Amino acid sequence: MFHSLSAMPADPILGLLTQYRADSHPNKVDLGVGVYKDPSGHTPILDCVKIAEKLRFETEDTKVYIGPTGSAPFNQLMTELAFGHSHPALLADRIRTVSTPGGTGALRVAADFIKRCNPNAVLWVSDPTWANHTGLFEAAGITVKTYPYYDYDSKTLKFDQMMAKLATIGKDDVVLLHACCHNPSGMDLTQAQWDEVIEVTAKQGFTPLIDMAYQGFGDGVDEDAYGVRQMAAKVENMILCSSCSKNFGLYRERIGACTLVGKDSNQANVANSVLLYVVRCIYSMPPAHGAAIVETILGTPALKQQWLDELKVMRDRINGNRAMLVEQLKMNAVERDFSFIARQKGMFSFLGVNPQQVERLKQEHSIYMVGSSRISIAGISEANVDYLAKSIAKVL
């Protein structure tokens, strides 16, 4: 059977990581992998997570299955984190949430659910979008197309073109939107732009699928959920995929959530039964450890406040890195305007250099980023920003 197989290309980001680790250059810089790093380049465990894990260790008394839905307290707390405690859809009992193996698991569950809702649905993603979105949905048998989003020349949104395309999408299709901290561009919708997107969504009747992998990394936990909350209040059906990898630092625990919003409670129950069937057919039961950590933190007022404080430190550091890089480029007499980096949000931005310059940065300066020039802002530090800016200046 295996003789007919051809090797698949390596993931470009994981391939970069391998090259970076093998590089002996003393000043090498990793701007590829999208994980938070502290000033020393380490990805730490949050203090609130350590406390929650200790409580988990002391109180856990079984390893029995937790069921396809996952942990009920986790699901409820994640729903409230995304929608708030008094959202109209929540009060009307229109929301159902299940635990998933990370945000990617949530997206795959959503993909199979969409396929069962409408096998012929087209799923529209922003141009560009997270590299794994297209392959993930196509693997579920869904046709994927793109709508205009980021203007590489002006470093702004193609908002008018985006709206024009959304106005042509029919009610049987699905449109994927990034809640905040757009990956890979860092260019987010403003609240006013969200309002326009929500208006055309309600008018056209297509189903919004919102990917919220970075809640709290943009402007704040509540601010970053603006589009999610406003959309759920204005449309009959919606899908939300959430991740705890970044904002809780639980990358390897693989815990996230997939949430459905139905027209009413009865429709939500029917949709949830289909969602649980999908879960049963993919992985049967979600992991428990990460969910237990998150529900302990969110369900304990003191720990939740500690988490919010630690999340702010991460958010402020990333925003500070953006401003620091822009300023350092100016200090190295770079004439090109990189101020857009400071205006963007979240973990990523496009540096805006060409593939040849990206390759020179790697070969001549041991600075690693993907070929599109997407950089992970968290990889910048006080220790490497001057070297980084000087290297960029040289290749420009």
Protein backbone atom coordinates (compact mmCIF):
# COMPACT_ATOMS: atom_id res chain seq x y z
CA MET A 1 0.00 0.00 0.00
CA PHE A 2 2.70 2.51 0.98
CA HIS A 3 4.68 2.19 -2.26
CA SER A 4 2.35 4.61 -4.05
CA LEU A 5 2.98 7.47 -1.62
CA SER A 6 5.00 10.59 -2.39
CA ALA A 7 6.64 12.59 0.37
CA MET A 8 4.75 15.69 1.47
CA PRO A 9 6.65 18.99 1.68
CA ALA A 10 7.83 19.90 5.16
CA ASP A 11 5.91 22.56 7.05
CA PRO A 12 7.84 25.79 6.31
CA ILE A 13 7.71 27.07 9.88
CA LEU A 14 8.74 23.78 11.48
CA GLY A 15 11.48 23.45 8.87
CA LEU A 16 12.76 26.91 9.83
CA LEU A 17 12.86 25.88 13.47
CA THR A 18 15.05 22.90 12.61
CA GLN A 19 17.44 25.14 10.67
CA TYR A 20 17.50 27.68 13.49
CA ARG A 21 18.39 25.08 16.10
CA ALA A 22 21.24 23.78 13.94
CA ASP A 23 22.66 27.29 13.39
CA SER A 24 25.72 28.08 15.51
CA HIS A 25 25.68 31.85 14.91
CA PRO A 26 25.88 33.60 18.32
CA ASN A 27 23.40 36.30 17.31
CA LYS A 28 20.83 34.13 15.53
CA VAL A 29 17.21 35.32 15.77
CA ASP A 30 14.08 33.18 15.49
CA LEU A 31 11.13 35.15 14.09
CA GLY A 32 9.34 32.10 12.73
CA VAL A 33 7.50 30.13 15.40
CA GLY A 34 4.41 31.86 16.79
CA VAL A 35 4.84 31.39 20.53
CA TYR A 36 5.21 34.03 23.23
CA LYS A 37 8.75 34.59 24.49
CA ASP A 38 9.95 36.59 27.47
CA PRO A 39 12.93 39.00 27.22
CA SER A 40 15.35 36.08 27.56
CA GLY A 41 13.75 34.22 24.66
CA HIS A 42 12.08 31.63 26.89
CA THR A 43 8.41 30.61 26.75
CA PRO A 44 7.52 30.41 30.46
CA ILE A 45 4.69 28.70 32.30
CA LEU A 46 2.37 31.34 33.75
CA ASP A 47 2.41 31.54 37.55
CA CYS A 48 -1.37 31.16 37.67
CA VAL A 49 -1.04 27.97 35.62
CA LYS A 50 1.51 26.54 38.07
CA ILE A 51 -0.88 27.17 40.96
CA ALA A 52 -3.81 25.64 39.09
CA GLU A 53 -1.72 22.59 38.16
CA LYS A 54 -0.74 22.09 41.80
CA LEU A 55 -4.41 22.18 42.81
CA ARG A 56 -5.20 19.74 40.02
CA PHE A 57 -2.50 17.35 41.18
CA GLU A 58 -3.79 17.47 44.75
CA THR A 59 -7.48 16.99 43.94
CA GLU A 60 -7.66 14.77 40.84
CA ASP A 61 -8.84 11.30 41.85
CA THR A 62 -9.62 9.57 38.53
CA LYS A 63 -8.52 9.32 34.92
CA VAL A 64 -11.89 8.14 33.61
CA TYR A 65 -13.22 9.53 30.31
CA ILE A 66 -14.89 12.93 30.56
CA GLY A 67 -17.24 12.39 27.61
CA PRO A 68 -17.31 13.90 24.09
CA THR A 69 -18.56 17.27 25.38
CA GLY A 70 -15.58 17.65 27.69
CA SER A 71 -15.66 19.45 31.00
CA ALA A 72 -18.95 21.27 31.63
CA PRO A 73 -17.37 23.96 33.86
CA PHE A 74 -14.67 24.62 31.26
CA ASN A 75 -17.29 24.90 28.50
CA GLN A 76 -19.38 27.33 30.52
CA LEU A 77 -16.42 29.49 31.56
CA MET A 78 -15.05 29.61 28.01
CA THR A 79 -18.49 30.61 26.74
CA GLU A 80 -18.63 33.45 29.27
CA LEU A 81 -15.07 34.50 28.44
CA ALA A 82 -15.99 34.81 24.76
CA PHE A 83 -19.50 36.25 25.06
CA GLY A 84 -19.61 37.87 28.48
CA HIS A 85 -21.91 36.89 31.33
CA SER A 86 -25.08 38.58 30.08
CA HIS A 87 -25.01 38.26 26.31
CA PRO A 88 -28.53 38.00 24.82
CA ALA A 89 -27.68 34.74 23.05
CA LEU A 90 -26.45 33.28 26.33
CA LEU A 91 -29.54 34.38 28.23
CA ALA A 92 -31.73 32.94 25.46
CA ASP A 93 -29.94 29.57 25.79
CA ARG A 94 -28.79 29.68 22.14
CA ILE A 95 -25.12 28.79 22.76
CA ARG A 96 -23.51 25.35 23.00
CA THR A 97 -19.78 24.75 23.60
CA VAL A 98 -17.63 21.60 23.54
CA SER A 99 -14.01 21.12 24.58
CA THR A 100 -11.55 20.32 21.78
CA PRO A 101 -7.87 19.35 21.37
CA GLY A 102 -6.62 22.89 20.88
CA GLY A 103 -7.81 25.59 18.50
CA THR A 104 -6.84 23.46 15.50
CA GLY A 105 -9.02 20.66 16.86
CA ALA A 106 -11.88 23.14 17.19
CA LEU A 107 -11.46 24.16 13.56
CA ARG A 108 -11.45 20.56 12.37
CA VAL A 109 -14.60 19.83 14.39
CA ALA A 110 -16.17 22.92 12.82
CA ALA A 111 -15.07 21.75 9.36
CA ASP A 112 -16.72 18.34 9.70
CA PHE A 113 -19.81 19.96 11.22
CA ILE A 114 -20.09 22.34 8.24
CA LYS A 115 -19.71 19.40 5.86
CA ARG A 116 -22.67 17.70 7.56
CA CYS A 117 -24.74 20.89 7.47
CA ASN A 118 -24.14 21.45 3.76
CA PRO A 119 -21.75 19.22 1.76
CA ASN A 120 -21.62 21.85 -1.01
CA ALA A 121 -20.81 24.84 1.19
CA VAL A 122 -17.87 27.00 0.12
CA LEU A 123 -15.72 28.31 2.96
CA TRP A 124 -14.25 31.77 2.38
CA VAL A 125 -11.01 32.80 4.11
CA SER A 126 -9.13 36.08 4.13
CA ASP A 127 -6.24 36.63 1.72
CA PRO A 128 -3.92 35.94 3.49
CA THR A 129 -4.96 33.71 6.38
CA TRP A 130 -3.28 31.28 8.77
CA ALA A 131 -1.34 28.81 6.64
CA ASN A 132 -3.14 25.78 8.08
CA HIS A 133 -6.70 27.04 7.48
CA THR A 134 -6.93 26.01 3.83
CA GLY A 135 -5.42 22.55 4.21
CA LEU A 136 -7.47 21.84 7.31
CA PHE A 137 -10.81 22.59 5.65
CA GLU A 138 -9.90 20.98 2.35
CA ALA A 139 -8.98 17.82 4.28
CA ALA A 140 -12.61 17.76 5.45
CA GLY A 141 -13.77 17.92 1.83
CA ILE A 142 -14.74 21.58 1.84
CA THR A 143 -14.04 23.92 -1.07
CA VAL A 144 -12.02 26.93 0.11
CA LYS A 145 -11.94 30.32 -1.62
CA THR A 146 -10.54 33.70 -0.59
CA TYR A 147 -11.85 37.21 -0.11
CA PRO A 148 -9.59 40.31 -0.29
CA TYR A 149 -8.12 41.42 3.01
CA TYR A 150 -4.53 42.71 3.29
CA ASP A 151 -2.83 45.19 0.96
CA TYR A 152 0.87 44.29 0.93
CA ASP A 153 1.82 47.58 -0.74
CA SER A 154 0.03 50.05 1.53
CA LYS A 155 0.15 47.81 4.65
CA THR A 156 -3.58 48.42 5.21
CA LEU A 157 -6.83 46.52 4.83
CA LYS A 158 -8.50 46.15 1.46
CA PHE A 159 -11.70 46.85 3.31
CA ASP A 160 -13.80 48.14 0.41
CA GLN A 161 -12.81 45.16 -1.73
CA MET A 162 -13.49 42.83 1.18
CA MET A 163 -16.97 44.25 1.68
CA ALA A 164 -17.71 44.08 -2.04
CA LYS A 165 -16.85 40.38 -2.08
CA LEU A 166 -18.79 39.58 1.09
CA ALA A 167 -21.85 41.22 -0.49
CA THR A 168 -21.78 38.51 -3.21
CA ILE A 169 -21.56 35.48 -0.90
CA GLY A 170 -24.76 33.46 -0.56
CA LYS A 171 -26.55 32.02 2.43
CA ASP A 172 -25.28 28.47 1.90
CA ASP A 173 -21.63 29.44 2.36
CA VAL A 174 -19.39 30.08 5.38
CA VAL A 175 -17.03 33.03 5.93
CA LEU A 176 -14.08 32.65 8.27
CA LEU A 177 -13.15 35.81 10.19
CA HIS A 178 -10.30 36.41 12.64
CA ALA A 179 -11.63 37.78 15.93
CA CYS A 180 -8.43 39.70 16.69
CA CYS A 181 -4.67 39.66 16.12
CA HIS A 182 -5.00 38.56 12.49
CA ASN A 183 -2.59 35.79 11.61
CA PRO A 184 -0.40 36.46 9.63
CA SER A 185 -0.84 40.17 8.90
CA GLY A 186 -1.49 41.68 12.36
CA MET A 187 -4.05 43.95 10.66
CA ASP A 188 -7.36 43.85 12.52
CA LEU A 189 -10.81 45.16 11.75
CA THR A 190 -11.78 48.25 13.74
CA GLN A 191 -15.04 48.15 15.69
CA ALA A 192 -16.68 50.31 13.02
CA GLN A 193 -15.50 47.89 10.34
CA TRP A 194 -16.76 44.95 12.38
CA ASP A 195 -20.18 46.63 12.47
CA GLU A 196 -20.21 46.82 8.66
CA VAL A 197 -19.11 43.20 8.32
CA ILE A 198 -21.84 42.10 10.72
CA GLU A 199 -24.42 44.08 8.76
CA VAL A 200 -23.53 42.41 5.45
CA THR A 201 -23.38 39.00 7.17
CA ALA A 202 -26.93 39.41 8.47
CA LYS A 203 -28.13 40.70 5.09
CA GLN A 204 -26.53 37.96 3.01
CA GLY A 205 -27.34 35.18 5.46
CA PHE A 206 -24.06 33.28 5.18
CA THR A 207 -22.70 31.62 8.33
CA PRO A 208 -19.81 33.35 10.10
CA LEU A 209 -17.05 31.15 11.48
CA ILE A 210 -14.88 33.20 13.83
CA ASP A 211 -11.43 31.98 14.77
CA MET A 212 -10.35 33.45 18.14
CA ALA A 213 -6.87 32.12 18.86
CA TYR A 214 -5.47 35.24 20.57
CA GLN A 215 -8.14 36.68 22.86
CA GLY A 216 -6.42 39.16 25.17
CA PHE A 217 -3.34 39.68 22.99
CA GLY A 218 -4.79 42.63 21.05
CA ASP A 219 -6.41 45.28 23.23
CA GLY A 220 -7.83 43.20 26.09
CA VAL A 221 -10.02 40.18 26.79
CA ASP A 222 -13.34 42.00 26.37
CA GLU A 223 -12.15 44.36 23.64
CA ASP A 224 -10.85 41.51 21.51
CA ALA A 225 -14.23 39.75 21.67
CA TYR A 226 -16.13 42.74 20.23
CA GLY A 227 -16.76 41.12 16.85
CA VAL A 228 -17.76 37.80 18.41
CA ARG A 229 -20.29 39.39 20.75
CA GLN A 230 -21.80 41.79 18.22
CA MET A 231 -22.05 39.10 15.55
CA ALA A 232 -23.81 36.63 17.88
CA ALA A 233 -26.37 39.31 18.74
CA LYS A 234 -27.26 39.97 15.09
CA VAL A 235 -27.22 36.61 13.28
CA GLU A 236 -29.20 33.40 13.68
CA ASN A 237 -26.29 30.97 13.34
CA MET A 238 -22.59 31.30 14.12
CA ILE A 239 -19.57 29.11 14.84
CA LEU A 240 -16.72 30.15 17.12
CA CYS A 241 -13.39 28.35 17.51
CA SER A 242 -11.29 29.32 20.55
CA SER A 243 -7.81 28.39 21.73
CA CYS A 244 -6.12 28.44 25.15
CA SER A 245 -2.65 27.88 23.71
CA LYS A 246 -1.53 31.49 23.57
CA ASN A 247 -3.42 33.43 26.24
CA PHE A 248 -2.93 30.72 28.89
CA GLY A 249 0.45 29.56 27.54
CA LEU A 250 -0.91 26.00 27.29
CA TYR A 251 0.61 25.21 23.90
CA ARG A 252 1.39 21.55 24.52
CA GLU A 253 -1.75 20.79 26.55
CA ARG A 254 -3.88 21.14 23.39
CA ILE A 255 -7.08 22.62 24.76
CA GLY A 256 -9.61 24.78 22.96
CA ALA A 257 -13.33 25.02 22.35
CA CYS A 258 -15.85 24.92 19.52
CA THR A 259 -19.01 26.92 20.09
CA LEU A 260 -22.29 26.98 18.14
CA VAL A 261 -24.91 29.71 18.23
CA GLY A 262 -28.34 28.54 17.11
CA LYS A 263 -31.51 30.42 16.18
CA ASP A 264 -33.13 29.23 19.42
CA SER A 265 -32.59 26.68 22.16
CA ASN A 266 -34.15 23.80 20.23
CA GLN A 267 -32.03 24.42 17.14
CA ALA A 268 -28.94 24.74 19.32
CA ASN A 269 -29.67 21.35 20.88
CA VAL A 270 -30.07 19.66 17.50
CA ALA A 271 -26.88 21.28 16.17
CA ASN A 272 -25.01 20.27 19.32
CA SER A 273 -26.06 16.64 18.87
CA VAL A 274 -24.53 16.71 15.39
CA LEU A 275 -21.40 18.40 16.74
CA LEU A 276 -21.01 15.67 19.36
CA TYR A 277 -21.39 13.00 16.70
CA VAL A 278 -18.59 14.69 14.76
CA VAL A 279 -16.42 14.72 17.89
CA ARG A 280 -17.11 11.04 18.52
CA CYS A 281 -16.01 10.18 14.98
CA ILE A 282 -12.77 12.19 15.11
CA TYR A 283 -11.21 11.72 18.56
CA SER A 284 -14.05 10.47 20.77
CA MET A 285 -13.07 12.34 23.95
CA PRO A 286 -11.12 15.57 24.45
CA PRO A 287 -8.10 15.85 26.78
CA ALA A 288 -8.88 16.81 30.37
CA HIS A 289 -5.73 18.32 31.88
CA GLY A 290 -5.67 21.65 30.05
CA ALA A 291 -9.38 22.19 30.58
CA ALA A 292 -8.96 21.56 34.31
CA ILE A 293 -6.23 24.21 34.47
CA VAL A 294 -8.30 26.79 32.61
CA GLU A 295 -11.49 26.18 34.57
CA THR A 296 -9.55 26.41 37.85
CA ILE A 297 -8.12 29.78 36.81
CA LEU A 298 -11.33 31.25 35.39
CA GLY A 299 -13.42 29.84 38.22
CA THR A 300 -11.23 31.25 41.01
CA PRO A 301 -11.47 35.07 41.27
CA ALA A 302 -7.94 35.58 42.60
CA LEU A 303 -6.41 33.29 39.98
CA LYS A 304 -8.45 34.90 37.21
CA GLN A 305 -7.16 38.33 38.18
CA GLN A 306 -3.62 36.96 38.30
CA TRP A 307 -4.14 35.53 34.81
CA LEU A 308 -5.43 38.87 33.53
CA ASP A 309 -2.39 40.59 35.00
CA GLU A 310 0.01 38.08 33.44
CA LEU A 311 -1.82 38.31 30.13
CA LYS A 312 -1.39 42.09 30.21
CA VAL A 313 2.35 41.65 30.70
CA MET A 314 2.50 39.48 27.57
CA ARG A 315 0.31 41.88 25.58
CA ASP A 316 2.31 44.93 26.64
CA ARG A 317 5.59 43.20 25.84
CA ILE A 318 4.45 42.36 22.29
CA ASN A 319 3.17 45.90 21.72
CA GLY A 320 6.42 47.23 23.14
CA ASN A 321 8.42 45.03 20.78
CA ARG A 322 6.55 46.51 17.84
CA ALA A 323 7.37 50.07 18.85
CA MET A 324 10.95 49.13 19.73
CA LEU A 325 11.64 47.60 16.30
CA VAL A 326 10.20 50.62 14.48
CA GLU A 327 12.31 53.00 16.56
CA GLN A 328 15.48 50.91 16.12
CA LEU A 329 15.04 50.85 12.34
CA LYS A 330 14.82 54.65 12.37
CA MET A 331 17.98 54.86 14.49
CA ASN A 332 19.77 52.76 11.89
CA ALA A 333 18.86 55.26 9.17
CA VAL A 334 16.36 53.00 7.40
CA GLU A 335 14.40 55.33 5.16
CA ARG A 336 11.52 52.96 4.45
CA ASP A 337 8.47 53.58 6.63
CA PHE A 338 7.93 50.66 9.01
CA SER A 339 5.52 52.51 11.30
CA PHE A 340 2.72 50.14 10.26
CA ILE A 341 4.28 47.48 12.52
CA ALA A 342 3.53 49.58 15.60
CA ARG A 343 -0.09 50.06 14.51
CA GLN A 344 -0.79 46.37 14.06
CA LYS A 345 -1.76 43.92 16.78
CA GLY A 346 -0.96 40.47 18.04
CA MET A 347 1.85 38.03 17.46
CA PHE A 348 2.54 38.63 13.76
CA SER A 349 3.28 41.16 11.03
CA PHE A 350 4.65 41.09 7.52
CA LEU A 351 8.00 42.82 7.48
CA GLY A 352 7.45 43.67 3.82
CA VAL A 353 10.80 42.60 2.38
CA ASN A 354 11.02 40.37 -0.69
CA PRO A 355 11.87 36.63 -0.68
CA GLN A 356 15.44 37.30 -1.77
CA GLN A 357 15.95 39.65 1.16
CA VAL A 358 14.36 37.09 3.50
CA GLU A 359 16.88 34.54 2.25
CA ARG A 360 19.78 36.98 2.73
CA LEU A 361 18.66 37.66 6.29
CA LYS A 362 18.85 33.93 6.94
CA GLN A 363 22.04 33.11 5.07
CA GLU A 364 24.06 36.20 5.93
CA HIS A 365 22.69 37.16 9.35
CA SER A 366 21.03 33.98 10.78
CA ILE A 367 17.67 35.74 11.07
CA TYR A 368 14.87 33.28 10.45
CA MET A 369 11.40 34.12 9.10
CA VAL A 370 9.06 32.52 6.56
CA GLY A 371 9.41 33.45 2.90
CA SER A 372 6.43 35.80 2.95
CA SER A 373 8.41 37.92 5.50
CA ARG A 374 5.88 37.16 8.23
CA ILE A 375 7.63 37.70 11.54
CA SER A 376 6.74 36.59 15.05
CA ILE A 377 6.91 39.81 17.08
CA ALA A 378 7.53 37.89 20.30
CA GLY A 379 10.91 36.79 18.94
CA ILE A 380 12.18 40.37 19.19
CA SER A 381 13.95 41.37 22.39
CA GLU A 382 16.00 44.17 23.87
CA ALA A 383 19.03 41.95 23.38
CA ASN A 384 18.57 41.33 19.64
CA VAL A 385 16.64 44.32 18.29
CA ASP A 386 19.73 46.36 17.38
CA TYR A 387 21.30 43.42 15.52
CA LEU A 388 17.97 42.75 13.83
CA ALA A 389 17.53 46.37 12.73
CA LYS A 390 21.11 46.61 11.47
CA SER A 391 20.67 43.38 9.49
CA ILE A 392 17.42 44.59 7.93
CA ALA A 393 19.13 47.84 7.01
CA LYS A 394 21.90 45.91 5.23
CA VAL A 395 19.58 43.79 3.09
CA LEU A 396 17.51 46.86 2.18
